Amino acid sequence: MRTRIISAVLLCAATGVLVGCNPETGATSTSATSTGSSATVAAPKASATTDDKPASTQTKKETETKTKTKKVPSFVGMGLQSAQDTAQGEGFFSLKSHDSLGRDRMQAFDRNWKVCSQNVKAGTSVPTDTTLDFGAVKLEETCPAKDEAQPSAAGGKMPDFAGKSVKAARAALDSGTSITVNDASGDDRWVLVESNWQVCTQTPAAGTALNGQPVTFTAAKFGESCP
């Protein structure tokens, strides 16, 4: 009997079997031994739950949340910065502003401007992804009865730029147009900030067909009279 047990033990050691041996029976045990070896067991596949949503469904819901409908507040008379903050507080984040005087000035410091007009009438219900555009002037300026339109060269004719800002006039012409601007006062001042200067005279005259010819303006600062 002892010889059979010893033989069984030696057989287990020689074969290096990872499962345990029962020396009493000579058969292998189904219980794991402490040999230091481990078997990798595949984790069971997680079952889908009701909380798992397809990405497309999540995107759709997020979009619906972003584009819910709201009434547009009245912004006229507010400072431009306050109007923008109020609009964002209501969920409107697509915001623009423009110069109500048609001078094409940039609203670089919003607190220095006030709202004269808005493109969506106050009280109108629109999706919150609607772009709100504010017409504005500087705080010390008076709002016009309605926004002054910037000049346009649509139709290939030279517009009448008299009284318009040099910047707006330049923007209306083809970007390749050669433009010369002279001080109308004769003092030979540099026209540095073109939105602060108004056109007094122009060559060619308004209504002339545009075919790439050079353009010349004389200009005076806003607040000055053209000679």
Protein backbone atom coordinates (compact mmCIF):
# COMPACT_ATOMS: atom_id res chain seq x y z
CA MET A 1 0.00 0.00 0.00
CA ARG A 2 2.79 2.41 0.94
CA THR A 3 4.55 1.62 -2.33
CA ARG A 4 1.42 2.56 -4.32
CA ILE A 5 1.07 5.92 -2.49
CA ILE A 6 4.74 6.84 -3.04
CA SER A 7 4.46 5.91 -6.71
CA ALA A 8 1.41 8.14 -7.12
CA VAL A 9 3.18 11.10 -5.50
CA LEU A 10 6.24 10.67 -7.73
CA LEU A 11 4.02 10.44 -10.79
CA CYS A 12 2.34 13.79 -9.96
CA ALA A 13 5.69 15.50 -9.41
CA ALA A 14 7.10 14.16 -12.67
CA THR A 15 4.22 15.17 -14.89
CA GLY A 16 3.83 18.70 -13.41
CA VAL A 17 0.07 18.46 -13.66
CA LEU A 18 -1.59 21.70 -12.52
CA VAL A 19 -4.50 19.96 -10.84
CA GLY A 20 -4.15 18.33 -7.46
CA CYS A 21 -3.49 14.62 -6.95
CA ASN A 22 -5.02 12.46 -4.30
CA PRO A 23 -2.28 10.10 -3.22
CA GLU A 24 -4.78 7.85 -1.45
CA THR A 25 -6.63 7.01 -4.64
CA GLY A 26 -4.03 7.79 -7.31
CA ALA A 27 -6.65 9.91 -9.09
CA THR A 28 -6.48 13.62 -9.74
CA SER A 29 -8.58 15.94 -7.60
CA THR A 30 -10.97 18.47 -9.08
CA SER A 31 -9.98 21.09 -6.46
CA ALA A 32 -7.29 23.68 -7.36
CA THR A 33 -3.84 23.37 -5.73
CA SER A 34 -1.56 26.16 -4.50
CA THR A 35 1.14 25.62 -7.11
CA GLY A 36 1.30 29.33 -7.95
CA SER A 37 -0.22 28.82 -11.41
CA SER A 38 -3.50 30.58 -12.28
CA ALA A 39 -6.04 30.06 -15.00
CA THR A 40 -7.58 33.01 -16.87
CA VAL A 41 -11.32 32.91 -16.77
CA ALA A 42 -13.24 35.00 -19.33
CA ALA A 43 -15.58 37.50 -17.67
CA PRO A 44 -19.21 37.02 -18.56
CA LYS A 45 -20.39 39.47 -21.22
CA ALA A 46 -22.26 42.31 -19.66
CA SER A 47 -25.87 42.27 -20.57
CA ALA A 48 -27.40 45.40 -22.03
CA THR A 49 -29.49 47.41 -19.61
CA THR A 50 -32.17 49.99 -20.15
CA ASP A 51 -29.57 52.66 -19.27
CA ASP A 52 -27.45 51.84 -22.34
CA LYS A 53 -28.49 54.26 -25.10
CA PRO A 54 -27.20 54.31 -28.67
CA ALA A 55 -24.98 57.31 -29.42
CA SER A 56 -27.40 58.44 -32.09
CA THR A 57 -30.23 58.61 -29.52
CA GLN A 58 -28.10 60.65 -27.10
CA THR A 59 -27.08 63.05 -29.85
CA LYS A 60 -30.70 63.52 -30.88
CA LYS A 61 -31.77 64.31 -27.33
CA GLU A 62 -28.86 66.73 -26.84
CA THR A 63 -29.82 68.48 -30.07
CA GLU A 64 -33.45 68.72 -29.01
CA THR A 65 -32.34 70.29 -25.71
CA LYS A 66 -30.14 72.84 -27.45
CA THR A 67 -32.77 73.85 -29.95
CA LYS A 68 -35.81 74.24 -27.74
CA THR A 69 -38.04 77.19 -28.49
CA LYS A 70 -38.02 80.36 -26.39
CA LYS A 71 -39.37 83.89 -26.58
CA VAL A 72 -36.84 86.54 -27.58
CA PRO A 73 -36.50 89.32 -24.97
CA SER A 74 -36.48 93.02 -25.83
CA PHE A 75 -32.85 94.18 -26.07
CA VAL A 76 -33.33 97.69 -27.50
CA GLY A 77 -31.92 100.34 -25.16
CA MET A 78 -29.65 97.90 -23.32
CA GLY A 79 -25.89 98.12 -23.33
CA LEU A 80 -24.52 95.70 -25.90
CA GLN A 81 -22.64 93.64 -23.30
CA SER A 82 -25.74 93.40 -21.09
CA ALA A 83 -27.85 92.38 -24.09
CA GLN A 84 -25.43 89.61 -24.97
CA ASP A 85 -25.33 88.35 -21.36
CA THR A 86 -29.14 88.36 -21.19
CA ALA A 87 -29.44 86.50 -24.49
CA GLN A 88 -27.02 83.81 -23.34
CA GLY A 89 -28.88 83.49 -20.05
CA GLU A 90 -32.00 82.67 -22.09
CA GLY A 91 -30.13 80.02 -24.08
CA PHE A 92 -29.31 82.05 -27.21
CA PHE A 93 -25.61 81.66 -27.94
CA SER A 94 -25.41 82.52 -31.65
CA LEU A 95 -24.98 86.30 -31.41
CA LYS A 96 -23.85 89.02 -33.83
CA SER A 97 -23.75 92.81 -33.83
CA HIS A 98 -23.28 95.52 -36.43
CA ASP A 99 -22.92 99.28 -36.71
CA SER A 100 -26.42 100.81 -36.98
CA LEU A 101 -24.95 103.92 -38.62
CA GLY A 102 -23.63 101.88 -41.55
CA ARG A 103 -20.02 102.88 -40.90
CA ASP A 104 -18.84 99.27 -40.61
CA ARG A 105 -17.21 99.88 -37.25
CA MET A 106 -16.27 96.91 -35.10
CA GLN A 107 -17.81 96.59 -31.65
CA ALA A 108 -14.44 95.94 -30.05
CA PHE A 109 -15.52 96.96 -26.52
CA ASP A 110 -19.15 95.91 -26.15
CA ARG A 111 -19.68 97.98 -22.98
CA ASN A 112 -19.10 101.14 -25.04
CA TRP A 113 -22.06 100.36 -27.35
CA LYS A 114 -25.84 100.29 -26.91
CA VAL A 115 -28.49 98.32 -28.79
CA CYS A 116 -30.67 100.21 -31.30
CA SER A 117 -32.31 97.29 -33.10
CA GLN A 118 -32.62 93.53 -33.12
CA ASN A 119 -33.27 91.24 -36.06
CA VAL A 120 -35.90 89.14 -34.23
CA LYS A 121 -38.85 91.04 -32.79
CA ALA A 122 -39.19 90.91 -29.00
CA GLY A 123 -41.74 88.33 -27.85
CA THR A 124 -41.30 86.12 -30.90
CA SER A 125 -40.81 82.42 -30.09
CA VAL A 126 -37.88 80.94 -32.02
CA PRO A 127 -35.47 78.00 -31.63
CA THR A 128 -32.59 78.86 -29.32
CA ASP A 129 -30.07 78.16 -32.08
CA THR A 130 -31.42 81.19 -34.01
CA THR A 131 -28.77 83.87 -34.64
CA LEU A 132 -29.61 87.16 -32.94
CA ASP A 133 -28.13 90.24 -34.60
CA PHE A 134 -27.98 93.53 -32.69
CA GLY A 135 -27.70 96.90 -34.41
CA ALA A 136 -25.69 99.21 -32.16
CA VAL A 137 -24.13 102.67 -31.82
CA LYS A 138 -21.65 104.07 -29.33
CA LEU A 139 -23.06 105.21 -26.00
CA GLU A 140 -22.74 108.91 -26.80
CA GLU A 141 -24.44 108.56 -30.20
CA THR A 142 -28.14 108.73 -31.08
CA CYS A 143 -29.79 105.67 -32.59
CA PRO A 144 -31.03 106.23 -36.15
CA ALA A 145 -34.71 105.79 -36.97
CA LYS A 146 -33.66 102.60 -38.73
CA ASP A 147 -30.35 100.90 -39.44
CA GLU A 148 -28.47 102.51 -42.29
CA ALA A 149 -27.62 99.97 -44.95
CA GLN A 150 -24.02 99.66 -46.05
CA PRO A 151 -23.38 100.52 -49.71
CA SER A 152 -23.26 97.75 -52.28
CA ALA A 153 -21.80 97.55 -55.79
CA ALA A 154 -24.25 94.85 -56.83
CA GLY A 155 -25.08 95.19 -60.52
CA GLY A 156 -21.58 96.34 -61.47
CA LYS A 157 -22.30 100.06 -61.01
CA MET A 158 -20.35 102.55 -58.89
CA PRO A 159 -22.48 103.30 -55.78
CA ASP A 160 -23.01 106.79 -54.39
CA PHE A 161 -20.62 106.78 -51.44
CA ALA A 162 -21.20 110.40 -50.33
CA GLY A 163 -21.56 110.48 -46.54
CA LYS A 164 -20.60 106.82 -46.19
CA SER A 165 -17.54 105.76 -44.26
CA VAL A 166 -14.39 105.13 -46.25
CA LYS A 167 -14.25 101.67 -44.68
CA ALA A 168 -17.77 100.81 -45.87
CA ALA A 169 -16.96 102.15 -49.34
CA ARG A 170 -13.83 100.03 -49.56
CA ALA A 171 -15.76 96.94 -48.44
CA ALA A 172 -18.37 97.51 -51.15
CA LEU A 173 -15.80 97.44 -53.95
CA ASP A 174 -13.90 94.47 -55.30
CA SER A 175 -10.98 93.59 -53.04
CA GLY A 176 -8.56 94.07 -55.96
CA THR A 177 -9.65 97.68 -56.62
CA SER A 178 -6.90 100.32 -56.36
CA ILE A 179 -8.22 103.01 -53.98
CA THR A 180 -6.69 106.39 -53.15
CA VAL A 181 -8.05 108.43 -50.23
CA ASN A 182 -7.17 112.13 -49.86
CA ASP A 183 -7.92 114.50 -47.00
CA ALA A 184 -10.67 116.82 -48.26
CA SER A 185 -9.49 119.63 -45.96
CA GLY A 186 -6.23 119.97 -47.86
CA ASP A 187 -4.23 119.46 -44.66
CA ASP A 188 -2.87 116.19 -45.97
CA ARG A 189 -3.88 114.23 -42.85
CA TRP A 190 -3.47 110.49 -42.86
CA VAL A 191 -6.71 108.53 -43.08
CA LEU A 192 -5.80 105.84 -40.59
CA VAL A 193 -9.10 104.63 -39.11
CA GLU A 194 -11.27 104.61 -42.22
CA SER A 195 -14.51 104.04 -40.30
CA ASN A 196 -14.02 107.50 -38.76
CA TRP A 197 -13.88 109.24 -42.16
CA GLN A 198 -16.75 109.98 -44.54
CA VAL A 199 -16.56 110.19 -48.30
CA CYS A 200 -16.97 113.72 -49.70
CA THR A 201 -16.26 113.17 -53.40
CA GLN A 202 -15.53 110.16 -55.57
CA THR A 203 -14.08 109.30 -58.94
CA PRO A 204 -15.58 107.67 -60.96
CA ALA A 205 -19.02 109.15 -60.38
CA ALA A 206 -21.95 107.18 -59.01
CA GLY A 207 -23.59 105.01 -61.65
CA THR A 208 -20.41 104.47 -63.67
CA ALA A 209 -19.89 100.90 -64.84
CA LEU A 210 -17.16 99.22 -62.81
CA ASN A 211 -14.51 97.48 -64.89
CA GLY A 212 -11.55 97.40 -62.52
CA GLN A 213 -10.60 101.07 -62.85
CA PRO A 214 -8.84 102.86 -59.92
CA VAL A 215 -11.05 104.77 -57.48
CA THR A 216 -10.26 108.05 -55.72
CA PHE A 217 -12.03 109.48 -52.68
CA THR A 218 -11.70 112.76 -50.81
CA ALA A 219 -12.80 112.40 -47.22
CA ALA A 220 -13.38 114.34 -44.01
CA LYS A 221 -13.75 113.10 -40.46
CA PHE A 222 -17.27 112.46 -39.21
CA GLY A 223 -18.38 115.59 -37.43
CA GLU A 224 -16.58 117.79 -39.97
CA SER A 225 -18.26 119.34 -42.99
CA CYS A 226 -17.14 118.37 -46.44
CA PRO A 227 -15.69 121.42 -48.29
